[in-house]
């Protein structure tokens, strides 16, 4: 059900006129080889809707961060390990899984690729107009980065 809702949301975003165009993401993506490409974006009612593909090579991470709006993700390939600011795993997302990240500095987190193949994510950002895709945050004291 959640996967279908995410797909519906992504399709709806595309249908309401996302301008197609690619570009390198403007938020700090993490370690070596991590890349994010904006697939499409639009602004409606003071919110930016940005569809982005993120690739995390094995052993890399997103870096510690939070978002000013809600994110909806779909794991295309690989397995994403997600950790919160208590250094505890708050989810392991395999190919075909969806995830939602709530907004705010109280939701600092990191996504890590602990597997042997690339993690490829499709992410829909619903953020205040002009906000960065992510806000970098310091490591909250975890023994990993």
N, C-alpha and C. Protein backbone atom coordinates (compact mmCIF):
# COMPACT_ATOMS: atom_id res chain seq x y z
N UNK A 1 0.82 -1.19 0.00
CA UNK A 1 0.00 0.00 0.00
C UNK A 1 0.87 1.26 0.00
N UNK A 2 1.89 1.30 0.90
CA UNK A 2 2.77 2.48 0.97
C UNK A 2 3.52 2.67 -0.34
N UNK A 3 3.97 1.55 -0.95
CA UNK A 3 4.69 1.64 -2.21
C UNK A 3 3.78 2.24 -3.28
N UNK A 4 2.52 1.80 -3.29
CA UNK A 4 1.58 2.33 -4.27
C UNK A 4 1.32 3.81 -4.04
N UNK A 5 1.23 4.24 -2.77
CA UNK A 5 1.04 5.66 -2.48
C UNK A 5 2.24 6.48 -2.93
N UNK A 6 3.45 5.97 -2.71
CA UNK A 6 4.65 6.69 -3.15
C UNK A 6 4.66 6.80 -4.67
N UNK A 7 4.37 5.70 -5.35
CA UNK A 7 4.34 5.74 -6.82
C UNK A 7 3.28 6.72 -7.31
N UNK A 8 2.12 6.72 -6.64
CA UNK A 8 1.06 7.66 -7.01
C UNK A 8 1.54 9.09 -6.79
N UNK A 9 2.22 9.34 -5.67
CA UNK A 9 2.73 10.69 -5.40
C UNK A 9 3.74 11.13 -6.43
N UNK A 10 4.64 10.24 -6.81
CA UNK A 10 5.65 10.57 -7.81
C UNK A 10 4.99 10.80 -9.17
N UNK A 11 4.02 9.97 -9.51
CA UNK A 11 3.31 10.16 -10.78
C UNK A 11 2.52 11.45 -10.78
N UNK A 12 1.88 11.77 -9.66
CA UNK A 12 1.11 13.00 -9.56
C UNK A 12 2.03 14.21 -9.71
N UNK A 13 3.17 14.16 -9.04
CA UNK A 13 4.12 15.27 -9.14
C UNK A 13 4.55 15.48 -10.59
N UNK A 14 4.79 14.38 -11.29
CA UNK A 14 5.19 14.50 -12.70
C UNK A 14 4.04 15.05 -13.54
N UNK A 15 2.83 14.61 -13.23
CA UNK A 15 1.68 15.02 -14.02
C UNK A 15 1.33 16.49 -13.84
N UNK A 16 1.66 17.09 -12.68
CA UNK A 16 1.29 18.48 -12.47
C UNK A 16 2.32 19.45 -13.02
N UNK A 17 3.25 18.94 -13.77
CA UNK A 17 4.10 19.85 -14.53
C UNK A 17 5.50 20.04 -14.03
N UNK A 18 6.11 19.01 -13.50
CA UNK A 18 7.51 19.14 -13.11
C UNK A 18 8.34 19.45 -14.35
N UNK A 19 9.20 20.43 -14.23
CA UNK A 19 10.05 20.77 -15.37
C UNK A 19 11.16 19.73 -15.44
N UNK A 20 11.27 19.10 -16.59
CA UNK A 20 12.29 18.08 -16.75
C UNK A 20 13.63 18.74 -16.99
N UNK A 21 14.59 18.23 -16.31
CA UNK A 21 15.94 18.76 -16.45
C UNK A 21 16.80 18.08 -15.41
N UNK A 22 18.02 17.84 -15.74
CA UNK A 22 18.90 17.19 -14.79
C UNK A 22 19.93 18.19 -14.33
N UNK A 23 20.45 17.91 -13.19
CA UNK A 23 21.48 18.75 -12.64
C UNK A 23 22.08 18.08 -11.44
N UNK A 24 23.23 18.53 -11.06
CA UNK A 24 23.85 17.99 -9.87
C UNK A 24 23.17 18.58 -8.66
N UNK A 25 22.96 17.77 -7.66
CA UNK A 25 22.27 18.22 -6.47
C UNK A 25 23.05 19.31 -5.76
N UNK A 26 22.34 20.14 -4.99
CA UNK A 26 23.02 21.23 -4.33
C UNK A 26 23.16 21.04 -2.83
N UNK A 27 22.87 19.87 -2.31
CA UNK A 27 23.11 19.57 -0.90
C UNK A 27 24.33 18.66 -0.82
N UNK A 28 25.03 18.73 0.30
CA UNK A 28 26.21 17.89 0.49
C UNK A 28 25.79 16.43 0.47
N UNK A 29 26.25 15.63 -0.51
CA UNK A 29 25.74 14.28 -0.64
C UNK A 29 26.39 13.24 0.26
N UNK A 30 27.56 13.46 0.82
CA UNK A 30 28.19 12.44 1.65
C UNK A 30 29.59 12.14 1.16
N UNK A 31 29.97 10.85 1.19
CA UNK A 31 31.32 10.44 0.91
C UNK A 31 31.65 10.32 -0.57
N UNK A 32 32.88 9.82 -0.87
CA UNK A 32 33.36 9.70 -2.24
C UNK A 32 32.43 8.83 -3.09
N UNK A 33 32.13 9.31 -4.28
CA UNK A 33 31.31 8.56 -5.22
C UNK A 33 29.81 8.70 -5.02
N UNK A 34 29.39 9.33 -3.92
CA UNK A 34 27.97 9.55 -3.68
C UNK A 34 27.51 10.65 -4.62
N UNK A 35 26.40 10.39 -5.33
CA UNK A 35 25.93 11.43 -6.23
C UNK A 35 24.41 11.53 -6.16
N UNK A 36 23.94 12.73 -6.42
CA UNK A 36 22.52 13.00 -6.47
C UNK A 36 22.22 13.81 -7.71
N UNK A 37 21.23 13.39 -8.46
CA UNK A 37 20.85 14.08 -9.68
C UNK A 37 19.39 14.47 -9.61
N UNK A 38 19.12 15.75 -9.82
CA UNK A 38 17.74 16.21 -9.84
C UNK A 38 17.13 15.79 -11.17
N UNK A 39 16.02 15.07 -11.09
CA UNK A 39 15.32 14.59 -12.28
C UNK A 39 14.29 15.62 -12.72
N UNK A 40 13.57 16.18 -11.76
CA UNK A 40 12.55 17.18 -12.08
C UNK A 40 12.21 17.98 -10.83
N UNK A 41 11.61 19.16 -11.06
CA UNK A 41 11.23 20.00 -9.92
C UNK A 41 10.18 21.02 -10.34
N UNK A 42 9.38 21.43 -9.36
CA UNK A 42 8.39 22.48 -9.57
C UNK A 42 8.08 23.11 -8.21
N UNK A 43 7.44 24.26 -8.24
CA UNK A 43 7.00 24.94 -7.02
C UNK A 43 5.50 25.15 -7.12
N UNK A 44 4.79 24.74 -6.08
CA UNK A 44 3.34 24.91 -6.00
C UNK A 44 3.00 25.34 -4.58
N UNK A 45 2.28 26.45 -4.46
CA UNK A 45 1.81 26.88 -3.15
C UNK A 45 2.88 27.07 -2.10
N UNK A 46 4.02 27.61 -2.50
CA UNK A 46 5.09 27.87 -1.54
C UNK A 46 5.93 26.65 -1.17
N UNK A 47 5.72 25.54 -1.85
CA UNK A 47 6.51 24.33 -1.59
C UNK A 47 7.22 23.91 -2.88
N UNK A 48 8.45 23.48 -2.72
CA UNK A 48 9.20 22.91 -3.82
C UNK A 48 9.01 21.39 -3.80
N UNK A 49 8.71 20.83 -4.96
CA UNK A 49 8.60 19.39 -5.15
C UNK A 49 9.76 19.00 -6.06
N UNK A 50 10.71 18.27 -5.49
CA UNK A 50 11.93 17.95 -6.23
C UNK A 50 12.11 16.44 -6.23
N UNK A 51 12.20 15.88 -7.43
CA UNK A 51 12.44 14.45 -7.59
C UNK A 51 13.92 14.28 -7.90
N UNK A 52 14.58 13.46 -7.10
CA UNK A 52 16.03 13.32 -7.19
C UNK A 52 16.41 11.85 -7.09
N UNK A 53 17.40 11.45 -7.86
CA UNK A 53 17.95 10.11 -7.73
C UNK A 53 19.29 10.21 -7.02
N UNK A 54 19.46 9.37 -6.00
CA UNK A 54 20.69 9.36 -5.19
C UNK A 54 21.32 7.99 -5.31
N UNK A 55 22.64 7.97 -5.54
CA UNK A 55 23.39 6.72 -5.60
C UNK A 55 24.46 6.72 -4.52
N UNK A 56 24.43 5.67 -3.69
CA UNK A 56 25.43 5.48 -2.64
C UNK A 56 26.24 4.23 -2.96
N UNK A 57 27.52 4.38 -3.28
CA UNK A 57 28.36 3.20 -3.51
C UNK A 57 28.54 2.41 -2.21
N UNK A 58 28.96 1.15 -2.30
CA UNK A 58 29.22 0.36 -1.10
C UNK A 58 30.17 1.08 -0.15
N UNK A 59 29.84 1.04 1.13
CA UNK A 59 30.68 1.63 2.16
C UNK A 59 30.49 3.13 2.36
N UNK A 60 29.62 3.75 1.58
CA UNK A 60 29.43 5.21 1.68
C UNK A 60 28.12 5.55 2.39
N UNK A 61 27.97 6.85 2.70
CA UNK A 61 26.78 7.30 3.42
C UNK A 61 26.34 8.66 2.89
N UNK A 62 25.17 9.07 3.37
CA UNK A 62 24.65 10.40 3.04
C UNK A 62 25.28 11.48 3.87
N UNK A 63 25.97 11.11 4.94
CA UNK A 63 26.43 12.07 5.93
C UNK A 63 25.26 12.42 6.86
N UNK A 64 25.57 12.89 8.05
CA UNK A 64 24.53 13.27 9.01
C UNK A 64 23.84 14.53 8.54
N UNK A 65 22.50 14.53 8.58
CA UNK A 65 21.74 15.67 8.08
C UNK A 65 20.29 15.61 8.56
N UNK A 66 19.56 16.66 8.24
CA UNK A 66 18.10 16.69 8.43
C UNK A 66 17.51 17.50 7.29
N UNK A 67 16.19 17.53 7.22
CA UNK A 67 15.50 18.22 6.13
C UNK A 67 14.48 19.21 6.70
N UNK A 68 14.21 20.27 5.94
CA UNK A 68 13.22 21.27 6.33
C UNK A 68 11.81 20.88 5.90
N UNK A 69 11.66 19.80 5.17
CA UNK A 69 10.36 19.30 4.72
C UNK A 69 10.38 17.79 4.73
N UNK A 70 9.28 17.19 4.36
CA UNK A 70 9.15 15.73 4.36
C UNK A 70 9.72 15.14 3.07
N UNK A 71 10.38 13.99 3.21
CA UNK A 71 10.93 13.26 2.07
C UNK A 71 10.24 11.91 1.96
N UNK A 72 10.02 11.49 0.70
CA UNK A 72 9.42 10.19 0.42
C UNK A 72 10.40 9.46 -0.49
N UNK A 73 10.88 8.32 -0.05
CA UNK A 73 11.90 7.61 -0.82
C UNK A 73 11.44 6.24 -1.27
N UNK A 74 12.02 5.81 -2.38
CA UNK A 74 11.80 4.48 -2.93
C UNK A 74 13.17 3.89 -3.26
N UNK A 75 13.46 2.70 -2.72
CA UNK A 75 14.75 2.05 -2.97
C UNK A 75 14.64 1.25 -4.26
N UNK A 76 15.36 1.71 -5.28
CA UNK A 76 15.37 1.00 -6.57
C UNK A 76 16.26 -0.23 -6.53
N UNK A 77 17.47 -0.05 -5.94
CA UNK A 77 18.48 -1.12 -5.91
C UNK A 77 19.22 -1.07 -4.59
N UNK A 78 19.72 -2.22 -4.17
CA UNK A 78 20.55 -2.29 -2.99
C UNK A 78 19.74 -2.29 -1.70
N UNK A 79 20.45 -2.08 -0.59
CA UNK A 79 19.84 -2.04 0.74
C UNK A 79 20.37 -0.83 1.49
N UNK A 80 19.46 0.04 1.91
CA UNK A 80 19.80 1.25 2.66
C UNK A 80 19.63 0.98 4.14
N UNK A 81 20.68 1.23 4.93
CA UNK A 81 20.59 1.15 6.38
C UNK A 81 20.47 2.58 6.90
N UNK A 82 19.45 2.83 7.70
CA UNK A 82 19.09 4.18 8.14
C UNK A 82 19.26 4.26 9.65
N UNK A 83 19.91 5.32 10.15
CA UNK A 83 20.19 5.47 11.57
C UNK A 83 19.75 6.84 12.05
N UNK A 84 19.25 6.88 13.30
CA UNK A 84 18.83 8.16 13.89
C UNK A 84 19.92 8.72 14.79
N UNK A 85 19.64 9.84 15.43
CA UNK A 85 20.65 10.53 16.24
C UNK A 85 20.99 9.80 17.53
N UNK A 86 20.28 8.71 17.86
CA UNK A 86 20.63 7.88 19.02
C UNK A 86 21.61 6.78 18.61
N UNK A 87 22.07 6.82 17.36
CA UNK A 87 23.00 5.84 16.79
C UNK A 87 22.33 4.47 16.60
N UNK A 88 21.02 4.43 16.72
CA UNK A 88 20.29 3.18 16.55
C UNK A 88 19.72 3.09 15.15
N UNK A 89 19.67 1.88 14.63
CA UNK A 89 19.05 1.66 13.33
C UNK A 89 17.55 1.93 13.46
N UNK A 90 17.04 2.76 12.57
CA UNK A 90 15.59 2.98 12.57
C UNK A 90 14.97 2.43 11.29
N UNK A 91 15.72 1.57 10.58
CA UNK A 91 15.18 0.90 9.42
C UNK A 91 16.23 0.37 8.48
N UNK A 92 15.92 -0.76 7.88
CA UNK A 92 16.73 -1.34 6.81
C UNK A 92 15.79 -1.49 5.63
N UNK A 93 16.12 -0.83 4.53
CA UNK A 93 15.22 -0.73 3.38
C UNK A 93 15.85 -1.40 2.17
N UNK A 94 15.24 -2.49 1.74
CA UNK A 94 15.72 -3.24 0.59
C UNK A 94 15.04 -2.76 -0.69
N UNK A 95 15.56 -3.19 -1.84
CA UNK A 95 14.97 -2.82 -3.13
C UNK A 95 13.47 -3.08 -3.09
N UNK A 96 12.71 -2.07 -3.57
CA UNK A 96 11.26 -2.16 -3.57
C UNK A 96 10.61 -1.55 -2.34
N UNK A 97 11.42 -1.18 -1.34
CA UNK A 97 10.88 -0.58 -0.11
C UNK A 97 10.70 0.92 -0.26
N UNK A 98 9.80 1.45 0.57
CA UNK A 98 9.62 2.89 0.66
C UNK A 98 9.97 3.36 2.05
N UNK A 99 10.32 4.63 2.17
CA UNK A 99 10.58 5.23 3.46
C UNK A 99 10.13 6.69 3.43
N UNK A 100 9.84 7.20 4.62
CA UNK A 100 9.46 8.60 4.79
C UNK A 100 10.36 9.20 5.86
N UNK A 101 10.90 10.38 5.58
CA UNK A 101 11.73 11.09 6.55
C UNK A 101 11.00 12.37 6.95
N UNK A 102 10.71 12.51 8.26
CA UNK A 102 10.01 13.71 8.73
C UNK A 102 10.95 14.92 8.78
N UNK A 103 10.37 16.12 8.77
CA UNK A 103 11.19 17.34 8.77
C UNK A 103 11.65 17.73 10.18
N UNK A 104 12.70 18.55 10.20
CA UNK A 104 13.13 19.20 11.43
C UNK A 104 14.46 18.74 11.97
N UNK A 105 15.12 19.66 12.69
CA UNK A 105 16.43 19.39 13.27
C UNK A 105 16.39 18.29 14.32
N UNK A 106 15.20 18.01 14.86
CA UNK A 106 15.07 16.92 15.84
C UNK A 106 15.09 15.55 15.17
N UNK A 107 15.16 15.52 13.84
CA UNK A 107 15.18 14.26 13.09
C UNK A 107 16.48 14.09 12.31
N UNK A 108 17.61 14.32 12.98
CA UNK A 108 18.93 14.11 12.37
C UNK A 108 19.10 12.62 12.09
N UNK A 109 19.63 12.30 10.91
CA UNK A 109 19.78 10.90 10.53
C UNK A 109 20.90 10.75 9.50
N UNK A 110 21.21 9.51 9.21
CA UNK A 110 22.20 9.17 8.19
C UNK A 110 21.72 7.90 7.46
N UNK A 111 21.95 7.86 6.17
CA UNK A 111 21.69 6.66 5.38
C UNK A 111 23.03 6.07 5.00
N UNK A 112 23.19 4.76 5.19
CA UNK A 112 24.46 4.11 4.90
C UNK A 112 24.26 2.91 3.98
N UNK A 113 25.24 2.68 3.12
CA UNK A 113 25.26 1.49 2.29
C UNK A 113 26.26 0.53 2.90
N UNK A 114 25.76 -0.46 3.62
CA UNK A 114 26.62 -1.45 4.25
C UNK A 114 26.76 -2.70 3.40
N UNK A 115 26.17 -2.68 2.20
CA UNK A 115 26.19 -3.83 1.30
C UNK A 115 27.34 -3.78 0.31
N UNK A 116 27.26 -4.66 -0.69
CA UNK A 116 28.33 -4.78 -1.68
C UNK A 116 27.94 -4.25 -3.06
N UNK A 117 26.72 -3.71 -3.19
CA UNK A 117 26.28 -3.12 -4.46
C UNK A 117 25.76 -1.70 -4.19
N UNK A 118 25.71 -0.90 -5.24
CA UNK A 118 25.19 0.46 -5.10
C UNK A 118 23.77 0.46 -4.54
N UNK A 119 23.47 1.45 -3.70
CA UNK A 119 22.10 1.75 -3.32
C UNK A 119 21.64 2.87 -4.24
N UNK A 120 20.50 2.68 -4.90
CA UNK A 120 19.93 3.71 -5.76
C UNK A 120 18.54 4.04 -5.22
N UNK A 121 18.36 5.32 -4.89
CA UNK A 121 17.11 5.80 -4.30
C UNK A 121 16.47 6.82 -5.22
N UNK A 122 15.14 6.79 -5.31
CA UNK A 122 14.37 7.87 -5.90
C UNK A 122 13.72 8.58 -4.73
N UNK A 123 13.94 9.88 -4.62
CA UNK A 123 13.46 10.63 -3.47
C UNK A 123 12.64 11.83 -3.94
N UNK A 124 11.44 11.98 -3.36
CA UNK A 124 10.62 13.16 -3.60
C UNK A 124 10.73 14.05 -2.37
N UNK A 125 11.31 15.23 -2.55
CA UNK A 125 11.45 16.23 -1.49
C UNK A 125 10.24 17.15 -1.57
N UNK A 126 9.57 17.37 -0.45
CA UNK A 126 8.49 18.34 -0.35
C UNK A 126 8.95 19.32 0.72
N UNK A 127 9.54 20.42 0.26
CA UNK A 127 10.23 21.34 1.17
C UNK A 127 9.75 22.77 0.95
N UNK A 128 9.92 23.64 1.95
CA UNK A 128 9.56 25.05 1.74
C UNK A 128 10.32 25.62 0.55
N UNK A 129 9.67 26.48 -0.21
CA UNK A 129 10.29 27.07 -1.40
C UNK A 129 11.64 27.69 -1.05
N UNK A 130 12.67 27.30 -1.78
CA UNK A 130 14.00 27.85 -1.61
C UNK A 130 14.85 27.18 -0.55
N UNK A 131 14.28 26.25 0.20
CA UNK A 131 15.05 25.56 1.25
C UNK A 131 16.06 24.62 0.60
N UNK A 132 17.18 24.37 1.28
CA UNK A 132 18.14 23.40 0.75
C UNK A 132 17.55 21.99 0.81
N UNK A 133 18.07 21.09 0.01
CA UNK A 133 17.60 19.71 0.04
C UNK A 133 17.89 19.05 1.38
N UNK A 134 19.00 19.42 1.99
CA UNK A 134 19.37 18.87 3.30
C UNK A 134 20.19 19.90 4.05
N UNK A 135 20.12 19.81 5.36
CA UNK A 135 20.94 20.64 6.25
C UNK A 135 21.96 19.71 6.90
N UNK A 136 23.25 19.98 6.69
CA UNK A 136 24.28 19.17 7.31
C UNK A 136 24.18 19.27 8.83
N UNK A 137 24.49 18.17 9.50
CA UNK A 137 24.48 18.12 10.97
C UNK A 137 25.74 17.41 11.43
N UNK A 138 26.24 17.75 12.63
CA UNK A 138 27.40 17.05 13.14
C UNK A 138 27.04 15.63 13.57
N UNK A 139 28.03 14.76 13.56
CA UNK A 139 27.83 13.41 14.07
C UNK A 139 27.39 13.55 15.52
N UNK A 140 26.27 12.94 15.91
CA UNK A 140 25.75 13.10 17.27
C UNK A 140 26.49 12.28 18.31
N UNK A 141 27.63 11.69 17.95
CA UNK A 141 28.41 10.91 18.90
C UNK A 141 28.45 9.43 18.57
N UNK A 142 28.05 9.07 17.38
CA UNK A 142 28.07 7.66 16.96
C UNK A 142 29.50 7.28 16.55
N UNK A 143 29.81 5.99 16.65
CA UNK A 143 31.16 5.53 16.29
C UNK A 143 31.25 5.22 14.80
N UNK A 144 30.35 5.76 14.00
CA UNK A 144 30.39 5.62 12.55
C UNK A 144 29.99 6.92 11.92
N UNK A 145 30.35 7.07 10.66
CA UNK A 145 30.04 8.30 9.91
C UNK A 145 29.26 7.98 8.68
